[in-house]
Each structure stands twice: as structure tokens, then as C-alpha cells.
Amino acid sequence: MSYPNERKESVLKKMLPPQSHSIPELARAEGISEATLYAWRKAARAGGRLLPNDAQTPEGWTSAEKFAAVVETAALNAIELAAYSRHRGLYPAQLHAWRQACEQANDWDRSQSRRLQETRKADQQQIKQLGRELRQKEKALAETAALLVLRKKAQAIWGEVEDV
């Protein structure tokens, strides 16, 4: 069954904040199958539209949706950003945090390799320390074993020796 474009657009708008209706909810209300609504949302996303998942809050959005919101708002001034935020059911602070996350995403490799180097250095120091402790304990064990062998030999030669 084919639906008019106006109907599709009105249903897709209901998926957007501030209404943020879930697909099952819209399917019941509009009398359209969930599969059709999922297909419409998928097609709209493929066309570049920002349509969040069924999450009622922007925190439930996927990273791709958050990135799309950041890209859409990149060139907006404060007033336009506030209007965009109200229209999408967002807070400007959320968009700012998402933007910072996007900006830091390219530095992730560098910071990750720095953390790995620091971890490797700490691990190497710990391995070195554990090696020293192991050598000390091996020496103490060898000394104790030698003393026990000497004691047994002394007992075998002289008999039972009383401790003084």
C-alpha cells in the first residue's frame, strides 16, 4: 500500500523531538505497520535526515545521529542553535558536549597510544621488580635447602644433635 508523501512527512515529524513518539506507538495511533514505519525512518536517514531511535531522550541517540546533529549545527550562531535545540528537543549543552566528543575523536589514536605506552612502561617496571623479588626468594630458598642438607648430613655422621 502506498501512502502520500504528506502523510509520510507528518508521521516522520512525530518521530522527532519534542514529541519523540516510538514506532510501535505511532503504528497503533496511525494504523500503519511497524515495518513500514521502520522502512520510512531508514529511508529518511539514508536521505540525510536526523531521526533518532525510539529513545525518548537524546542520550539514547546513536553516535551517528549525534554526529549528524553536530554537523547540522556547526555553522549556527547562538540564537539559531537555541531554536534548533528547541525544535529537536535538545539542550545546547548536549550539542556542545557532542561537538567536543567529535573533536576529540581524531585525537583518540594519539591518546590511546600514549596510554598504552604508559601502561607498558608501568608493566615493565613491575616485571623488573617482580624479577628482583623472585631472585631474592630463590637465593633464600637455596640457602635454606643447603642448610637442611647439611643438617641431615651432620645427623647422619654424628647422630642426633641436641640444640643448644
N, C-alpha and C. Protein backbone atom coordinates (compact mmCIF):
# COMPACT_ATOMS: atom_id res chain seq x y z
N MET A 1 0.85 -1.18 0.00
CA MET A 1 0.00 0.00 0.00
C MET A 1 0.89 1.23 0.00
N SER A 2 0.61 2.17 -0.85
CA SER A 2 1.40 3.38 -0.98
C SER A 2 0.71 4.52 -0.23
N TYR A 3 1.51 5.28 0.49
CA TYR A 3 0.99 6.41 1.26
C TYR A 3 1.46 7.70 0.61
N PRO A 4 0.66 8.75 0.69
CA PRO A 4 1.09 10.04 0.13
C PRO A 4 2.29 10.59 0.90
N ASN A 5 3.09 11.36 0.20
CA ASN A 5 4.29 11.94 0.82
C ASN A 5 3.96 12.82 2.01
N GLU A 6 2.84 13.52 1.96
CA GLU A 6 2.45 14.38 3.07
C GLU A 6 2.21 13.56 4.33
N ARG A 7 1.59 12.41 4.15
CA ARG A 7 1.32 11.54 5.31
C ARG A 7 2.64 11.01 5.89
N LYS A 8 3.55 10.61 4.99
CA LYS A 8 4.86 10.12 5.44
C LYS A 8 5.57 11.20 6.24
N GLU A 9 5.56 12.42 5.71
CA GLU A 9 6.25 13.52 6.38
C GLU A 9 5.64 13.82 7.74
N SER A 10 4.32 13.80 7.81
CA SER A 10 3.67 14.10 9.10
C SER A 10 3.99 13.01 10.12
N VAL A 11 4.05 11.75 9.69
CA VAL A 11 4.39 10.67 10.61
C VAL A 11 5.86 10.78 11.02
N LEU A 12 6.74 11.09 10.07
CA LEU A 12 8.17 11.23 10.40
C LEU A 12 8.39 12.39 11.37
N LYS A 13 7.62 13.45 11.25
CA LYS A 13 7.75 14.58 12.17
C LYS A 13 7.36 14.18 13.59
N LYS A 14 6.44 13.24 13.70
CA LYS A 14 6.04 12.78 15.03
C LYS A 14 7.13 11.96 15.70
N MET A 15 8.07 11.46 14.90
CA MET A 15 9.21 10.72 15.47
C MET A 15 10.25 11.66 16.05
N LEU A 16 10.22 12.91 15.60
CA LEU A 16 11.21 13.90 16.05
C LEU A 16 10.84 14.48 17.40
N PRO A 17 11.85 14.95 18.15
CA PRO A 17 11.56 15.69 19.37
C PRO A 17 10.82 16.96 19.01
N PRO A 18 10.05 17.52 19.85
CA PRO A 18 9.80 17.16 21.23
C PRO A 18 8.80 16.03 21.41
N GLN A 19 8.08 15.65 20.35
CA GLN A 19 7.09 14.57 20.51
C GLN A 19 7.78 13.23 20.74
N SER A 20 8.72 12.88 19.90
CA SER A 20 9.53 11.67 20.03
C SER A 20 8.69 10.41 20.27
N HIS A 21 7.69 10.22 19.44
CA HIS A 21 6.88 9.02 19.57
C HIS A 21 7.66 7.81 19.08
N SER A 22 7.48 6.69 19.75
CA SER A 22 8.16 5.47 19.32
C SER A 22 7.40 4.88 18.13
N ILE A 23 8.08 4.02 17.38
CA ILE A 23 7.46 3.42 16.20
C ILE A 23 6.26 2.55 16.57
N PRO A 24 6.36 1.70 17.60
CA PRO A 24 5.15 0.92 17.96
C PRO A 24 3.96 1.81 18.34
N GLU A 25 4.26 2.89 19.02
CA GLU A 25 3.22 3.84 19.43
C GLU A 25 2.58 4.49 18.20
N LEU A 26 3.42 4.92 17.25
CA LEU A 26 2.91 5.53 16.03
C LEU A 26 2.13 4.53 15.19
N ALA A 27 2.59 3.28 15.17
CA ALA A 27 1.91 2.26 14.38
C ALA A 27 0.48 2.06 14.88
N ARG A 28 0.32 2.03 16.20
CA ARG A 28 -1.03 1.89 16.77
C ARG A 28 -1.88 3.12 16.48
N ALA A 29 -1.29 4.30 16.66
CA ALA A 29 -2.05 5.54 16.50
C ALA A 29 -2.42 5.82 15.05
N GLU A 30 -1.50 5.53 14.13
CA GLU A 30 -1.72 5.87 12.72
C GLU A 30 -2.32 4.73 11.90
N GLY A 31 -2.29 3.51 12.45
CA GLY A 31 -2.81 2.37 11.69
C GLY A 31 -1.88 1.94 10.57
N ILE A 32 -0.58 2.19 10.76
CA ILE A 32 0.43 1.82 9.76
C ILE A 32 1.31 0.75 10.39
N SER A 33 1.72 -0.23 9.64
CA SER A 33 2.52 -1.31 10.21
C SER A 33 3.89 -0.79 10.67
N GLU A 34 4.41 -1.46 11.69
CA GLU A 34 5.72 -1.06 12.22
C GLU A 34 6.80 -1.21 11.16
N ALA A 35 6.72 -2.27 10.37
CA ALA A 35 7.72 -2.50 9.32
C ALA A 35 7.77 -1.33 8.34
N THR A 36 6.60 -0.80 8.01
CA THR A 36 6.53 0.34 7.09
C THR A 36 7.18 1.56 7.73
N LEU A 37 6.89 1.79 8.99
CA LEU A 37 7.46 2.95 9.68
C LEU A 37 8.97 2.82 9.81
N TYR A 38 9.46 1.61 10.12
CA TYR A 38 10.91 1.41 10.17
C TYR A 38 11.54 1.67 8.80
N ALA A 39 10.88 1.23 7.75
CA ALA A 39 11.40 1.46 6.40
C ALA A 39 11.42 2.96 6.08
N TRP A 40 10.38 3.68 6.46
CA TRP A 40 10.34 5.12 6.22
C TRP A 40 11.48 5.82 6.96
N ARG A 41 11.67 5.42 8.22
CA ARG A 41 12.74 6.04 9.01
C ARG A 41 14.11 5.73 8.39
N LYS A 42 14.29 4.50 7.96
CA LYS A 42 15.57 4.10 7.34
C LYS A 42 15.81 4.89 6.06
N ALA A 43 14.78 5.06 5.25
CA ALA A 43 14.90 5.82 4.01
C ALA A 43 15.20 7.29 4.29
N ALA A 44 14.55 7.83 5.30
CA ALA A 44 14.78 9.24 5.65
C ALA A 44 16.21 9.44 6.16
N ARG A 45 16.70 8.49 6.94
CA ARG A 45 18.08 8.57 7.42
C ARG A 45 19.06 8.47 6.26
N ALA A 46 18.77 7.59 5.32
CA ALA A 46 19.64 7.44 4.15
C ALA A 46 19.66 8.74 3.35
N GLY A 47 18.57 9.48 3.39
CA GLY A 47 18.49 10.77 2.71
C GLY A 47 19.15 11.90 3.49
N GLY A 48 19.71 11.60 4.65
CA GLY A 48 20.43 12.60 5.42
C GLY A 48 19.64 13.25 6.53
N ARG A 49 18.44 12.81 6.77
CA ARG A 49 17.64 13.39 7.85
C ARG A 49 18.04 12.80 9.18
N LEU A 50 17.92 13.61 10.20
CA LEU A 50 18.25 13.19 11.57
C LEU A 50 16.98 12.70 12.24
N LEU A 51 16.87 11.39 12.35
CA LEU A 51 15.72 10.79 13.02
C LEU A 51 16.26 9.86 14.10
N PRO A 52 16.03 10.21 15.37
CA PRO A 52 16.56 9.40 16.46
C PRO A 52 15.86 8.06 16.56
N ASN A 53 16.49 7.15 17.29
CA ASN A 53 15.87 5.86 17.58
C ASN A 53 14.66 6.08 18.47
N ASP A 54 14.08 5.02 18.94
CA ASP A 54 12.88 5.13 19.77
C ASP A 54 13.15 5.71 21.15
N ALA A 55 14.39 6.02 21.44
CA ALA A 55 14.73 6.56 22.75
C ALA A 55 14.01 7.89 22.96
N GLN A 56 13.47 8.05 24.13
CA GLN A 56 12.72 9.26 24.43
C GLN A 56 13.64 10.45 24.70
N THR A 57 14.90 10.18 25.04
CA THR A 57 15.82 11.26 25.33
C THR A 57 16.95 11.26 24.31
N PRO A 58 17.55 12.42 24.05
CA PRO A 58 18.67 12.49 23.11
C PRO A 58 19.87 11.65 23.55
N GLU A 59 19.95 11.30 24.83
CA GLU A 59 21.07 10.48 25.28
C GLU A 59 20.98 9.07 24.71
N GLY A 60 19.79 8.68 24.24
CA GLY A 60 19.63 7.37 23.65
C GLY A 60 19.94 7.35 22.16
N TRP A 61 20.33 8.49 21.60
CA TRP A 61 20.64 8.57 20.19
C TRP A 61 21.93 7.83 19.89
N THR A 62 22.06 7.34 18.67
CA THR A 62 23.29 6.68 18.26
C THR A 62 24.36 7.73 18.01
N SER A 63 25.59 7.28 17.94
CA SER A 63 26.68 8.23 17.70
C SER A 63 26.55 8.88 16.33
N ALA A 64 26.04 8.15 15.34
CA ALA A 64 25.85 8.73 14.01
C ALA A 64 24.81 9.85 14.05
N GLU A 65 23.76 9.67 14.83
CA GLU A 65 22.74 10.71 14.95
C GLU A 65 23.29 11.93 15.69
N LYS A 66 24.08 11.69 16.71
CA LYS A 66 24.69 12.80 17.43
C LYS A 66 25.65 13.56 16.51
N PHE A 67 26.43 12.81 15.73
CA PHE A 67 27.36 13.45 14.79
C PHE A 67 26.59 14.27 13.76
N ALA A 68 25.48 13.73 13.26
CA ALA A 68 24.66 14.47 12.29
C ALA A 68 24.15 15.77 12.90
N ALA A 69 23.74 15.72 14.16
CA ALA A 69 23.27 16.94 14.84
C ALA A 69 24.41 17.94 14.98
N VAL A 70 25.60 17.47 15.27
CA VAL A 70 26.77 18.36 15.40
C VAL A 70 27.06 19.01 14.06
N VAL A 71 27.02 18.24 12.99
CA VAL A 71 27.29 18.78 11.65
C VAL A 71 26.23 19.80 11.26
N GLU A 72 24.97 19.49 11.56
CA GLU A 72 23.89 20.42 11.22
C GLU A 72 24.03 21.74 11.96
N THR A 73 24.57 21.71 13.16
CA THR A 73 24.64 22.93 13.97
C THR A 73 26.00 23.62 13.92
N ALA A 74 26.92 23.10 13.14
CA ALA A 74 28.29 23.63 13.14
C ALA A 74 28.35 25.11 12.78
N ALA A 75 27.55 25.54 11.83
CA ALA A 75 27.64 26.92 11.36
C ALA A 75 26.58 27.84 11.98
N LEU A 76 25.84 27.36 12.96
CA LEU A 76 24.76 28.16 13.54
C LEU A 76 25.29 29.09 14.62
N ASN A 77 24.69 30.29 14.70
CA ASN A 77 25.04 31.18 15.81
C ASN A 77 24.22 30.78 17.03
N ALA A 78 24.37 31.50 18.12
CA ALA A 78 23.74 31.12 19.38
C ALA A 78 22.21 31.11 19.29
N ILE A 79 21.65 32.09 18.61
CA ILE A 79 20.19 32.18 18.50
C ILE A 79 19.66 31.03 17.65
N GLU A 80 20.32 30.79 16.51
CA GLU A 80 19.89 29.69 15.64
C GLU A 80 20.07 28.34 16.34
N LEU A 81 21.14 28.24 17.12
CA LEU A 81 21.40 27.00 17.85
C LEU A 81 20.30 26.75 18.89
N ALA A 82 19.89 27.81 19.57
CA ALA A 82 18.83 27.67 20.56
C ALA A 82 17.52 27.25 19.90
N ALA A 83 17.22 27.83 18.74
CA ALA A 83 15.99 27.46 18.02
C ALA A 83 16.07 26.01 17.55
N TYR A 84 17.22 25.62 17.02
CA TYR A 84 17.42 24.23 16.58
C TYR A 84 17.25 23.28 17.76
N SER A 85 17.84 23.64 18.89
CA SER A 85 17.75 22.80 20.08
C SER A 85 16.31 22.63 20.54
N ARG A 86 15.56 23.72 20.58
CA ARG A 86 14.16 23.63 20.98
C ARG A 86 13.37 22.75 20.02
N HIS A 87 13.65 22.92 18.73
CA HIS A 87 12.93 22.15 17.71
C HIS A 87 13.22 20.66 17.83
N ARG A 88 14.45 20.30 18.17
CA ARG A 88 14.86 18.90 18.26
C ARG A 88 14.70 18.31 19.66
N GLY A 89 14.35 19.14 20.62
CA GLY A 89 14.19 18.64 21.99
C GLY A 89 15.53 18.40 22.67
N LEU A 90 16.50 19.22 22.33
CA LEU A 90 17.85 19.10 22.88
C LEU A 90 18.17 20.31 23.74
N TYR A 91 19.27 20.20 24.44
CA TYR A 91 19.84 21.35 25.15
C TYR A 91 21.11 21.75 24.40
N PRO A 92 21.38 23.04 24.31
CA PRO A 92 22.63 23.45 23.65
C PRO A 92 23.86 22.83 24.32
N ALA A 93 23.79 22.59 25.62
CA ALA A 93 24.93 21.97 26.31
C ALA A 93 25.18 20.55 25.80
N GLN A 94 24.12 19.83 25.46
CA GLN A 94 24.29 18.49 24.90
C GLN A 94 25.01 18.57 23.56
N LEU A 95 24.58 19.49 22.73
CA LEU A 95 25.24 19.66 21.43
C LEU A 95 26.69 20.04 21.60
N HIS A 96 26.96 20.90 22.58
CA HIS A 96 28.35 21.31 22.85
C HIS A 96 29.18 20.10 23.29
N ALA A 97 28.63 19.28 24.16
CA ALA A 97 29.36 18.08 24.62
C ALA A 97 29.58 17.11 23.47
N TRP A 98 28.58 16.94 22.63
CA TRP A 98 28.73 16.04 21.47
C TRP A 98 29.79 16.57 20.52
N ARG A 99 29.83 17.90 20.36
CA ARG A 99 30.82 18.51 19.47
C ARG A 99 32.23 18.26 20.01
N GLN A 100 32.40 18.44 21.31
CA GLN A 100 33.71 18.18 21.91
C GLN A 100 34.13 16.73 21.72
N ALA A 101 33.18 15.82 21.88
CA ALA A 101 33.48 14.40 21.69
C ALA A 101 33.90 14.14 20.25
N CYS A 102 33.24 14.78 19.30
CA CYS A 102 33.61 14.61 17.89
C CYS A 102 35.00 15.18 17.62
N GLU A 103 35.29 16.32 18.21
CA GLU A 103 36.60 16.94 18.01
C GLU A 103 37.72 16.09 18.61
N GLN A 104 37.45 15.46 19.73
CA GLN A 104 38.46 14.64 20.38
C GLN A 104 38.59 13.26 19.76
N ALA A 105 37.63 12.90 18.92
CA ALA A 105 37.66 11.56 18.32
C ALA A 105 38.90 11.35 17.47
N ASN A 106 39.37 12.39 16.81
CA ASN A 106 40.57 12.25 15.98
C ASN A 106 41.83 12.13 16.82
N ASP A 107 41.80 12.63 18.04
CA ASP A 107 42.95 12.51 18.92
C ASP A 107 42.95 11.20 19.69
N TRP A 108 41.93 10.38 19.47
CA TRP A 108 41.80 9.14 20.23
C TRP A 108 42.99 8.23 20.00
N ASP A 109 43.44 8.11 18.76
CA ASP A 109 44.58 7.23 18.47
C ASP A 109 45.82 7.69 19.22
N ARG A 110 46.06 8.98 19.20
CA ARG A 110 47.25 9.51 19.86
C ARG A 110 47.17 9.31 21.37
N SER A 111 46.04 9.64 21.96
CA SER A 111 45.89 9.49 23.40
C SER A 111 45.89 8.01 23.79
N GLN A 112 45.31 7.17 22.95
CA GLN A 112 45.29 5.73 23.23
C GLN A 112 46.71 5.17 23.19
N SER A 113 47.51 5.57 22.21
CA SER A 113 48.88 5.06 22.14
C SER A 113 49.71 5.59 23.31
N ARG A 114 49.43 6.81 23.74
CA ARG A 114 50.15 7.37 24.90
C ARG A 114 49.79 6.57 26.16
N ARG A 115 48.51 6.25 26.32
CA ARG A 115 48.09 5.44 27.47
C ARG A 115 48.70 4.05 27.41
N LEU A 116 48.76 3.48 26.23
CA LEU A 116 49.36 2.15 26.09
C LEU A 116 50.85 2.17 26.43
N GLN A 117 51.55 3.22 26.01
CA GLN A 117 52.97 3.35 26.34
C GLN A 117 53.17 3.47 27.84
N GLU A 118 52.33 4.28 28.49
CA GLU A 118 52.45 4.43 29.94
C GLU A 118 52.16 3.12 30.65
N THR A 119 51.17 2.42 30.18
CA THR A 119 50.82 1.12 30.77
C THR A 119 51.95 0.12 30.57
N ARG A 120 52.51 0.10 29.36
CA ARG A 120 53.61 -0.82 29.07
C ARG A 120 54.82 -0.51 29.94
N LYS A 121 55.12 0.77 30.12
CA LYS A 121 56.25 1.16 30.96
C LYS A 121 56.03 0.73 32.41
N ALA A 122 54.82 0.94 32.91
CA ALA A 122 54.50 0.51 34.28
C ALA A 122 54.58 -1.01 34.40
N ASP A 123 54.11 -1.72 33.39
CA ASP A 123 54.19 -3.18 33.40
C ASP A 123 55.64 -3.66 33.40
N GLN A 124 56.47 -3.01 32.59
CA GLN A 124 57.89 -3.39 32.54
C GLN A 124 58.57 -3.15 33.89
N GLN A 125 58.24 -2.04 34.54
CA GLN A 125 58.82 -1.77 35.86
C GLN A 125 58.35 -2.82 36.87
N GLN A 126 57.10 -3.20 36.80
CA GLN A 126 56.57 -4.21 37.72
C GLN A 126 57.23 -5.55 37.45
N ILE A 127 57.43 -5.90 36.18
CA ILE A 127 58.10 -7.16 35.83
C ILE A 127 59.52 -7.17 36.37
N LYS A 128 60.20 -6.04 36.25
CA LYS A 128 61.57 -5.92 36.75
C LYS A 128 61.61 -6.11 38.26
N GLN A 129 60.68 -5.46 38.96
CA GLN A 129 60.60 -5.56 40.42
C GLN A 129 60.29 -6.99 40.84
N LEU A 130 59.34 -7.61 40.16
CA LEU A 130 59.00 -9.00 40.49
C LEU A 130 60.16 -9.95 40.21
N GLY A 131 60.93 -9.67 39.16
CA GLY A 131 62.12 -10.47 38.87
C GLY A 131 63.14 -10.38 39.99
N ARG A 132 63.36 -9.17 40.51
CA ARG A 132 64.29 -8.98 41.64
C ARG A 132 63.82 -9.76 42.86
N GLU A 133 62.52 -9.64 43.16
CA GLU A 133 61.97 -10.36 44.31
C GLU A 133 62.11 -11.87 44.13
N LEU A 134 61.88 -12.35 42.92
CA LEU A 134 61.99 -13.78 42.65
C LEU A 134 63.42 -14.26 42.85
N ARG A 135 64.39 -13.50 42.36
CA ARG A 135 65.80 -13.90 42.55
C ARG A 135 66.17 -13.93 44.03
N GLN A 136 65.69 -12.94 44.81
CA GLN A 136 65.97 -12.93 46.24
C GLN A 136 65.36 -14.16 46.93
N LYS A 137 64.14 -14.48 46.56
CA LYS A 137 63.48 -15.62 47.18
C LYS A 137 64.13 -16.94 46.76
N GLU A 138 64.60 -17.01 45.52
CA GLU A 138 65.29 -18.22 45.07
C GLU A 138 66.60 -18.40 45.84
N LYS A 139 67.31 -17.30 46.09
CA LYS A 139 68.56 -17.38 46.86
C LYS A 139 68.27 -17.84 48.29
N ALA A 140 67.20 -17.27 48.89
CA ALA A 140 66.85 -17.66 50.26
C ALA A 140 66.44 -19.12 50.30
N LEU A 141 65.71 -19.58 49.32
CA LEU A 141 65.29 -20.98 49.26
C LEU A 141 66.49 -21.89 49.08
N ALA A 142 67.42 -21.50 48.23
CA ALA A 142 68.62 -22.32 48.00
C ALA A 142 69.45 -22.39 49.29
N GLU A 143 69.54 -21.27 50.00
CA GLU A 143 70.30 -21.27 51.26
C GLU A 143 69.64 -22.17 52.29
N THR A 144 68.31 -22.09 52.39
CA THR A 144 67.58 -22.93 53.33
C THR A 144 67.73 -24.41 52.97
N ALA A 145 67.66 -24.71 51.69
CA ALA A 145 67.82 -26.10 51.25
C ALA A 145 69.22 -26.59 51.58
N ALA A 146 70.23 -25.76 51.38
CA ALA A 146 71.62 -26.15 51.69
C ALA A 146 71.78 -26.41 53.19
N LEU A 147 71.17 -25.57 54.01
CA LEU A 147 71.26 -25.76 55.46
C LEU A 147 70.58 -27.06 55.89
N LEU A 148 69.44 -27.37 55.28
CA LEU A 148 68.75 -28.62 55.60
C LEU A 148 69.58 -29.84 55.20
N VAL A 149 70.22 -29.76 54.04
CA VAL A 149 71.06 -30.87 53.58
C VAL A 149 72.24 -31.04 54.53
N LEU A 150 72.87 -29.93 54.94
CA LEU A 150 74.00 -30.01 55.88
C LEU A 150 73.55 -30.58 57.22
N ARG A 151 72.37 -30.19 57.66
CA ARG A 151 71.86 -30.68 58.94
C ARG A 151 71.64 -32.20 58.88
N LYS A 152 71.05 -32.66 57.78
CA LYS A 152 70.82 -34.10 57.62
C LYS A 152 72.13 -34.86 57.57
N LYS A 153 73.13 -34.29 56.87
CA LYS A 153 74.43 -34.95 56.80
C LYS A 153 75.08 -35.00 58.19
N ALA A 154 74.94 -33.91 58.93
CA ALA A 154 75.52 -33.87 60.27
C ALA A 154 74.84 -34.90 61.17
N GLN A 155 73.51 -35.01 61.04
CA GLN A 155 72.80 -36.01 61.83
C GLN A 155 73.22 -37.42 61.43
N ALA A 156 73.44 -37.64 60.13
CA ALA A 156 73.85 -38.97 59.67
C ALA A 156 75.25 -39.31 60.18
N ILE A 157 76.14 -38.33 60.25
CA ILE A 157 77.52 -38.58 60.68
C ILE A 157 77.62 -38.68 62.20
N TRP A 158 77.08 -37.73 62.94
CA TRP A 158 77.27 -37.67 64.38
C TRP A 158 76.07 -38.18 65.17
N GLY A 159 75.02 -38.52 64.51
CA GLY A 159 73.83 -38.94 65.24
C GLY A 159 72.97 -37.74 65.57
N GLU A 160 72.02 -37.95 66.48
CA GLU A 160 71.10 -36.89 66.86
C GLU A 160 71.84 -35.81 67.63
N VAL A 161 71.77 -34.60 67.15
CA VAL A 161 72.45 -33.47 67.79
C VAL A 161 71.39 -32.66 68.52
N GLU A 162 71.71 -32.35 69.80
CA GLU A 162 70.79 -31.55 70.58
C GLU A 162 71.04 -30.08 70.32
N ASP A 163 69.93 -29.34 70.23
CA ASP A 163 70.05 -27.89 70.02
C ASP A 163 70.40 -27.22 71.32
N VAL A 164 71.29 -26.28 71.27
CA VAL A 164 71.73 -25.58 72.47
C VAL A 164 71.02 -24.28 72.60
